[in-house]
Structures are given as structure tokens and as C-alpha cells.
Amino acid sequence: KQVEMGRALFEINQNTFQEMARFQQDNLKKYFELNSDFSKRIPEVTDVSSFVELQREYSTTLWTGIKDSTRGQVDVIKSAVEETGEAVRKAFTVETAD
């Protein structure tokens, strides 16, 4: 049972790491795209109020992306914790003969 648990934990860790790496890669790509998109809009700024509005829109978009990404990462971690608990319980559960 412990060998199965070791395999299960290795697989959980590997899958979790891959998912988190994918999130980070996607986040970096989105961050560069966001900055590129908003930097192209800088010439539209003609006064302080248009600058403030562009900054507000940028901040809102960035914050929304961060929240969504964090939720996704939390879901990955929750799943890993649940899977780990299940693997440990399975390994240390004493089976009774009926």
C-alpha cells in the first residue's frame, strides 16, 4: 500500500507542478499582451483625465486577470490536497476480513 501511495503522491506532485507551471506561463503571456495592448493606446492620451481613465482601465483589467488566475491556482492546490489526503487514507486504512 505504501508503494502505491508513493506512486500516487509522485503523480499528484507532477500533475500539480505541471498545472502551476502552465498557469504561470499563461499569466506571463497575458501580462505581456496586456502591456502591449495598453502601450499602443498611450498616443490616445491627450490630457490628464484620459490618462487617468486609461490607467483605471489598465488596473481593472490587470486585477481581474490576477483574481481569475489566483482562483484557478487555488483550485489546483485544493485538488492536490484532496487527492493527497485520499492517497494517504487509502494507504493507512486497515482492511478488515469479513
Protein backbone atom coordinates (compact mmCIF):
# COMPACT_ATOMS: atom_id res chain seq x y z
CA LYS A 1 0.00 0.00 0.00
CA GLN A 2 2.82 2.41 0.79
CA VAL A 3 4.35 1.84 -2.63
CA GLU A 4 1.03 2.70 -4.25
CA MET A 5 0.83 5.79 -2.07
CA GLY A 6 4.34 6.82 -3.13
CA ARG A 7 3.39 6.46 -6.78
CA ALA A 8 0.15 8.35 -6.25
CA LEU A 9 1.93 11.19 -4.42
CA PHE A 10 4.56 11.41 -7.14
CA GLU A 11 1.85 11.62 -9.79
CA ILE A 12 -0.11 14.23 -7.81
CA ASN A 13 3.03 16.34 -7.35
CA GLN A 14 3.97 16.03 -11.01
CA ASN A 15 0.48 16.97 -12.22
CA THR A 16 0.23 19.85 -9.77
CA PHE A 17 3.61 21.22 -10.80
CA GLN A 18 2.68 20.99 -14.49
CA GLU A 19 -0.62 22.79 -13.91
CA MET A 20 1.02 25.54 -11.85
CA ALA A 21 3.74 25.97 -14.48
CA ARG A 22 1.04 26.23 -17.16
CA PHE A 23 -0.74 28.90 -15.11
CA GLN A 24 2.48 30.87 -14.74
CA GLN A 25 3.23 30.59 -18.45
CA ASP A 26 -0.29 31.73 -19.35
CA ASN A 27 -0.09 34.59 -16.84
CA LEU A 28 3.19 35.84 -18.26
CA LYS A 29 1.80 35.72 -21.80
CA LYS A 30 -1.35 37.59 -20.73
CA TYR A 31 0.70 40.17 -18.84
CA PHE A 32 2.84 40.94 -21.89
CA GLU A 33 -0.23 41.09 -24.13
CA LEU A 34 -1.99 43.43 -21.70
CA ASN A 35 1.01 45.74 -21.50
CA SER A 36 1.41 45.69 -25.27
CA ASP A 37 -2.26 46.48 -25.85
CA PHE A 38 -2.29 49.36 -23.40
CA SER A 39 1.05 50.78 -24.54
CA LYS A 40 -0.41 51.05 -28.05
CA ARG A 41 -3.18 53.18 -26.59
CA ILE A 42 -0.86 55.70 -24.95
CA PRO A 43 -0.93 58.01 -28.01
CA GLU A 44 -4.70 58.38 -27.38
CA VAL A 45 -3.90 60.20 -24.14
CA THR A 46 -4.42 63.91 -24.67
CA ASP A 47 -4.98 65.16 -21.15
CA VAL A 48 -4.87 64.15 -17.51
CA SER A 49 -8.41 62.78 -17.44
CA SER A 50 -7.82 60.49 -20.44
CA PHE A 51 -4.58 59.31 -18.79
CA VAL A 52 -6.40 58.57 -15.54
CA GLU A 53 -9.15 56.70 -17.42
CA LEU A 54 -6.59 54.61 -19.33
CA GLN A 55 -4.77 53.85 -16.08
CA ARG A 56 -8.04 52.89 -14.38
CA GLU A 57 -8.97 50.57 -17.25
CA TYR A 58 -5.50 49.00 -17.20
CA SER A 59 -5.64 48.46 -13.44
CA THR A 60 -9.12 46.94 -13.60
CA THR A 61 -8.12 44.58 -16.41
CA LEU A 62 -4.92 43.58 -14.62
CA TRP A 63 -6.73 43.00 -11.31
CA THR A 64 -9.41 40.87 -12.98
CA GLY A 65 -6.73 38.72 -14.60
CA ILE A 66 -4.90 38.30 -11.30
CA LYS A 67 -8.09 37.29 -9.47
CA ASP A 68 -9.06 34.76 -12.15
CA SER A 69 -5.58 33.27 -12.21
CA THR A 70 -5.43 33.03 -8.43
CA ARG A 71 -8.80 31.26 -8.32
CA GLY A 72 -7.56 28.74 -10.86
CA GLN A 73 -4.35 28.13 -8.94
CA VAL A 74 -6.26 27.71 -5.68
CA ASP A 75 -8.45 25.10 -7.37
CA VAL A 76 -5.35 23.20 -8.49
CA ILE A 77 -3.91 23.26 -4.96
CA LYS A 78 -7.24 22.23 -3.39
CA SER A 79 -7.49 19.31 -5.77
CA ALA A 80 -3.92 18.24 -4.97
CA VAL A 81 -4.59 18.40 -1.23
CA GLU A 82 -7.77 16.36 -1.59
CA GLU A 83 -6.04 13.77 -3.79
CA THR A 84 -3.11 13.57 -1.35
CA GLY A 85 -5.44 13.05 1.60
CA GLU A 86 -7.24 10.30 -0.27
CA ALA A 87 -3.96 8.57 -1.16
CA VAL A 88 -2.72 8.73 2.44
CA ARG A 89 -6.03 7.48 3.87
CA LYS A 90 -6.04 4.62 1.37
CA ALA A 91 -2.50 3.63 2.31
CA PHE A 92 -3.12 3.66 6.06
CA THR A 93 -6.62 2.23 6.16
CA VAL A 94 -6.67 -1.14 7.81
CA GLU A 95 -8.74 -3.61 5.88
CA THR A 96 -10.77 -6.00 7.95
CA ALA A 97 -11.57 -9.51 6.88
CA ASP A 98 -15.28 -10.21 6.98
